[in-house]
């Protein structure tokens, strides 16, 4: 998904979430450079992604990481709140 659309989705989720609501978010992220093909972020950089999440107004709590980093990005799980 293009990163501008990620920002848009996060903004809409934040707008619609109640004050006590929670979001379980999973994303394949890279600890190094973004992995991008034709403008699509397959494995965005973890720090860049988390900055986008906080920029949408969320507090983010890391839950766990799964996957094999030698095969690209790892699957990260987060809990988001307002």
N, C-alpha and C. Protein backbone atom coordinates (compact mmCIF):
# COMPACT_ATOMS: atom_id res chain seq x y z
N UNK A 1 0.85 -1.17 0.00
CA UNK A 1 0.00 0.00 0.00
C UNK A 1 0.90 1.23 0.00
N UNK A 2 0.61 2.22 -0.83
CA UNK A 2 1.39 3.46 -0.78
C UNK A 2 1.30 4.08 0.62
N UNK A 3 2.42 4.66 1.06
CA UNK A 3 2.50 5.15 2.44
C UNK A 3 1.51 6.28 2.71
N UNK A 4 1.20 7.08 1.71
CA UNK A 4 0.19 8.14 1.90
C UNK A 4 -1.16 7.52 2.28
N UNK A 5 -1.47 6.36 1.71
CA UNK A 5 -2.72 5.69 2.05
C UNK A 5 -2.67 5.12 3.47
N UNK A 6 -1.51 4.65 3.88
CA UNK A 6 -1.35 4.17 5.26
C UNK A 6 -1.67 5.31 6.22
N UNK A 7 -1.11 6.49 5.95
CA UNK A 7 -1.38 7.67 6.79
C UNK A 7 -2.88 7.98 6.83
N UNK A 8 -3.52 7.91 5.67
CA UNK A 8 -4.94 8.20 5.58
C UNK A 8 -5.76 7.20 6.39
N UNK A 9 -5.47 5.92 6.25
CA UNK A 9 -6.20 4.89 7.01
C UNK A 9 -6.03 5.09 8.51
N UNK A 10 -4.80 5.33 8.95
CA UNK A 10 -4.56 5.54 10.37
C UNK A 10 -5.33 6.76 10.88
N UNK A 11 -5.34 7.83 10.09
CA UNK A 11 -6.08 9.03 10.49
C UNK A 11 -7.57 8.77 10.63
N UNK A 12 -8.14 8.00 9.70
CA UNK A 12 -9.57 7.68 9.77
C UNK A 12 -9.88 6.76 10.94
N UNK A 13 -9.02 5.80 11.19
CA UNK A 13 -9.23 4.91 12.35
C UNK A 13 -9.19 5.72 13.63
N UNK A 14 -8.24 6.63 13.74
CA UNK A 14 -8.13 7.47 14.94
C UNK A 14 -9.37 8.34 15.10
N UNK A 15 -9.84 8.90 14.00
CA UNK A 15 -11.02 9.78 14.04
C UNK A 15 -12.26 9.02 14.52
N UNK A 16 -12.42 7.77 14.11
CA UNK A 16 -13.62 7.01 14.43
C UNK A 16 -13.53 6.23 15.74
N UNK A 17 -12.35 6.05 16.27
CA UNK A 17 -12.17 5.27 17.49
C UNK A 17 -12.67 6.05 18.71
N UNK A 18 -13.41 5.36 19.56
CA UNK A 18 -13.88 6.02 20.78
C UNK A 18 -12.68 6.29 21.69
N UNK A 19 -12.88 7.14 22.66
CA UNK A 19 -11.80 7.51 23.57
C UNK A 19 -11.23 6.33 24.35
N UNK A 20 -12.03 5.30 24.57
CA UNK A 20 -11.56 4.12 25.29
C UNK A 20 -11.29 2.93 24.37
N UNK A 21 -11.40 3.16 23.07
CA UNK A 21 -11.21 2.09 22.10
C UNK A 21 -9.75 1.68 21.96
N UNK A 22 -9.56 0.49 21.42
CA UNK A 22 -8.22 -0.04 21.17
C UNK A 22 -8.19 -0.64 19.77
N UNK A 23 -7.01 -0.63 19.18
CA UNK A 23 -6.81 -1.21 17.86
C UNK A 23 -5.66 -2.20 17.97
N UNK A 24 -5.85 -3.40 17.44
CA UNK A 24 -4.76 -4.36 17.30
C UNK A 24 -4.25 -4.21 15.88
N UNK A 25 -2.99 -3.84 15.74
CA UNK A 25 -2.41 -3.56 14.44
C UNK A 25 -1.24 -4.49 14.19
N UNK A 26 -1.21 -5.07 13.02
CA UNK A 26 -0.05 -5.87 12.63
C UNK A 26 0.51 -5.32 11.33
N UNK A 27 1.83 -5.36 11.20
CA UNK A 27 2.47 -4.87 9.99
C UNK A 27 3.80 -5.60 9.80
N UNK A 28 4.15 -5.84 8.55
CA UNK A 28 5.46 -6.38 8.24
C UNK A 28 6.40 -5.19 8.10
N UNK A 29 7.40 -5.13 8.96
CA UNK A 29 8.30 -3.98 9.01
C UNK A 29 9.75 -4.41 8.88
N UNK A 30 10.57 -3.47 8.46
CA UNK A 30 12.00 -3.68 8.33
C UNK A 30 12.73 -2.87 9.39
N UNK A 31 13.79 -3.44 9.94
CA UNK A 31 14.61 -2.71 10.90
C UNK A 31 15.61 -1.80 10.18
N UNK A 32 15.78 -2.01 8.87
CA UNK A 32 16.72 -1.19 8.10
C UNK A 32 15.93 -0.33 7.10
N UNK A 33 16.35 -0.29 5.86
CA UNK A 33 15.71 0.56 4.85
C UNK A 33 14.34 0.04 4.45
N UNK A 34 13.50 0.96 3.95
CA UNK A 34 12.22 0.56 3.38
C UNK A 34 12.46 -0.42 2.23
N UNK A 35 11.57 -1.39 2.07
CA UNK A 35 11.59 -2.27 0.92
C UNK A 35 10.40 -1.87 0.06
N UNK A 36 10.67 -1.18 -1.05
CA UNK A 36 9.63 -0.57 -1.88
C UNK A 36 9.77 -1.06 -3.31
N UNK A 37 8.66 -1.47 -3.92
CA UNK A 37 8.63 -1.81 -5.34
C UNK A 37 7.48 -1.04 -5.96
N UNK A 38 7.79 -0.27 -7.01
CA UNK A 38 6.78 0.51 -7.73
C UNK A 38 5.93 1.38 -6.80
N UNK A 39 6.56 1.97 -5.81
CA UNK A 39 5.87 2.88 -4.90
C UNK A 39 5.08 2.22 -3.78
N UNK A 40 5.09 0.89 -3.73
CA UNK A 40 4.38 0.17 -2.67
C UNK A 40 5.36 -0.25 -1.59
N UNK A 41 5.01 0.06 -0.36
CA UNK A 41 5.87 -0.25 0.78
C UNK A 41 5.55 -1.66 1.27
N UNK A 42 6.36 -2.63 0.85
CA UNK A 42 6.14 -4.00 1.29
C UNK A 42 6.60 -4.17 2.74
N UNK A 43 7.76 -3.62 3.06
CA UNK A 43 8.27 -3.66 4.42
C UNK A 43 8.81 -2.27 4.76
N UNK A 44 7.96 -1.36 5.25
CA UNK A 44 8.47 -0.02 5.59
C UNK A 44 9.42 -0.10 6.78
N UNK A 45 10.27 0.87 6.87
CA UNK A 45 11.18 1.00 8.01
C UNK A 45 10.36 1.14 9.29
N UNK A 46 10.74 0.40 10.33
CA UNK A 46 9.98 0.36 11.59
C UNK A 46 9.84 1.75 12.20
N UNK A 47 10.95 2.49 12.27
CA UNK A 47 10.90 3.83 12.89
C UNK A 47 9.99 4.76 12.11
N UNK A 48 10.08 4.74 10.80
CA UNK A 48 9.23 5.59 9.95
C UNK A 48 7.75 5.22 10.17
N UNK A 49 7.46 3.94 10.23
CA UNK A 49 6.09 3.49 10.44
C UNK A 49 5.56 3.96 11.79
N UNK A 50 6.36 3.79 12.85
CA UNK A 50 5.92 4.19 14.19
C UNK A 50 5.75 5.71 14.29
N UNK A 51 6.57 6.47 13.60
CA UNK A 51 6.38 7.92 13.56
C UNK A 51 5.06 8.28 12.88
N UNK A 52 4.68 7.52 11.87
CA UNK A 52 3.41 7.74 11.19
C UNK A 52 2.24 7.41 12.11
N UNK A 53 2.37 6.33 12.88
CA UNK A 53 1.33 5.94 13.83
C UNK A 53 1.15 7.03 14.89
N UNK A 54 2.24 7.50 15.46
CA UNK A 54 2.13 8.55 16.49
C UNK A 54 1.67 9.87 15.87
N UNK A 55 2.05 10.12 14.62
CA UNK A 55 1.60 11.33 13.93
C UNK A 55 0.09 11.35 13.70
N UNK A 56 -0.51 10.16 13.66
CA UNK A 56 -1.97 10.06 13.52
C UNK A 56 -2.67 10.26 14.86
N UNK A 57 -1.89 10.40 15.94
CA UNK A 57 -2.46 10.67 17.25
C UNK A 57 -2.55 9.47 18.17
N UNK A 58 -1.99 8.34 17.76
CA UNK A 58 -2.07 7.12 18.58
C UNK A 58 -0.91 7.00 19.56
N UNK A 59 -1.21 6.38 20.70
CA UNK A 59 -0.19 5.86 21.60
C UNK A 59 0.00 4.41 21.17
N UNK A 60 1.22 3.97 21.07
CA UNK A 60 1.51 2.66 20.50
C UNK A 60 2.28 1.82 21.50
N UNK A 61 1.76 0.62 21.77
CA UNK A 61 2.46 -0.32 22.66
C UNK A 61 2.83 -1.55 21.85
N UNK A 62 4.12 -1.86 21.80
CA UNK A 62 4.61 -3.03 21.09
C UNK A 62 4.17 -4.29 21.83
N UNK A 63 3.67 -5.27 21.10
CA UNK A 63 3.23 -6.53 21.72
C UNK A 63 4.20 -7.67 21.45
N UNK A 64 4.51 -7.92 20.18
CA UNK A 64 5.43 -9.00 19.86
C UNK A 64 5.87 -8.92 18.41
N UNK A 65 6.92 -9.67 18.10
CA UNK A 65 7.46 -9.73 16.75
C UNK A 65 7.60 -11.19 16.37
N UNK A 66 7.19 -11.53 15.16
CA UNK A 66 7.32 -12.90 14.66
C UNK A 66 7.91 -12.85 13.25
N UNK A 67 8.41 -13.97 12.79
CA UNK A 67 8.90 -14.05 11.42
C UNK A 67 10.39 -14.23 11.35
N UNK A 68 10.88 -14.29 10.14
CA UNK A 68 12.30 -14.54 9.86
C UNK A 68 12.88 -13.32 9.16
N UNK A 69 13.73 -12.53 9.86
CA UNK A 69 14.25 -11.31 9.25
C UNK A 69 15.11 -11.58 8.01
N UNK A 70 15.64 -12.79 7.86
CA UNK A 70 16.46 -13.08 6.68
C UNK A 70 15.61 -13.17 5.41
N UNK A 71 14.29 -13.25 5.56
CA UNK A 71 13.39 -13.33 4.41
C UNK A 71 12.66 -12.02 4.16
N UNK A 72 13.17 -10.94 4.69
CA UNK A 72 12.54 -9.63 4.49
C UNK A 72 12.11 -9.04 5.80
N UNK A 73 10.93 -8.49 5.84
CA UNK A 73 10.44 -7.85 7.04
C UNK A 73 9.92 -8.85 8.05
N UNK A 74 9.81 -8.40 9.27
CA UNK A 74 9.25 -9.22 10.34
C UNK A 74 7.84 -8.72 10.66
N UNK A 75 7.02 -9.61 11.14
CA UNK A 75 5.64 -9.30 11.48
C UNK A 75 5.62 -8.71 12.90
N UNK A 76 5.23 -7.46 13.02
CA UNK A 76 5.16 -6.75 14.30
C UNK A 76 3.70 -6.55 14.69
N UNK A 77 3.43 -6.72 15.96
CA UNK A 77 2.08 -6.54 16.51
C UNK A 77 2.10 -5.40 17.52
N UNK A 78 1.10 -4.51 17.43
CA UNK A 78 1.00 -3.35 18.30
C UNK A 78 -0.43 -3.17 18.79
N UNK A 79 -0.57 -2.58 19.97
CA UNK A 79 -1.87 -2.14 20.48
C UNK A 79 -1.86 -0.62 20.42
N UNK A 80 -2.88 -0.06 19.78
CA UNK A 80 -2.99 1.39 19.62
C UNK A 80 -4.15 1.92 20.45
N UNK A 81 -3.93 3.04 21.10
CA UNK A 81 -4.99 3.73 21.85
C UNK A 81 -4.85 5.22 21.59
N UNK A 82 -5.93 5.94 21.96
CA UNK A 82 -5.89 7.41 21.81
C UNK A 82 -5.13 8.03 22.95
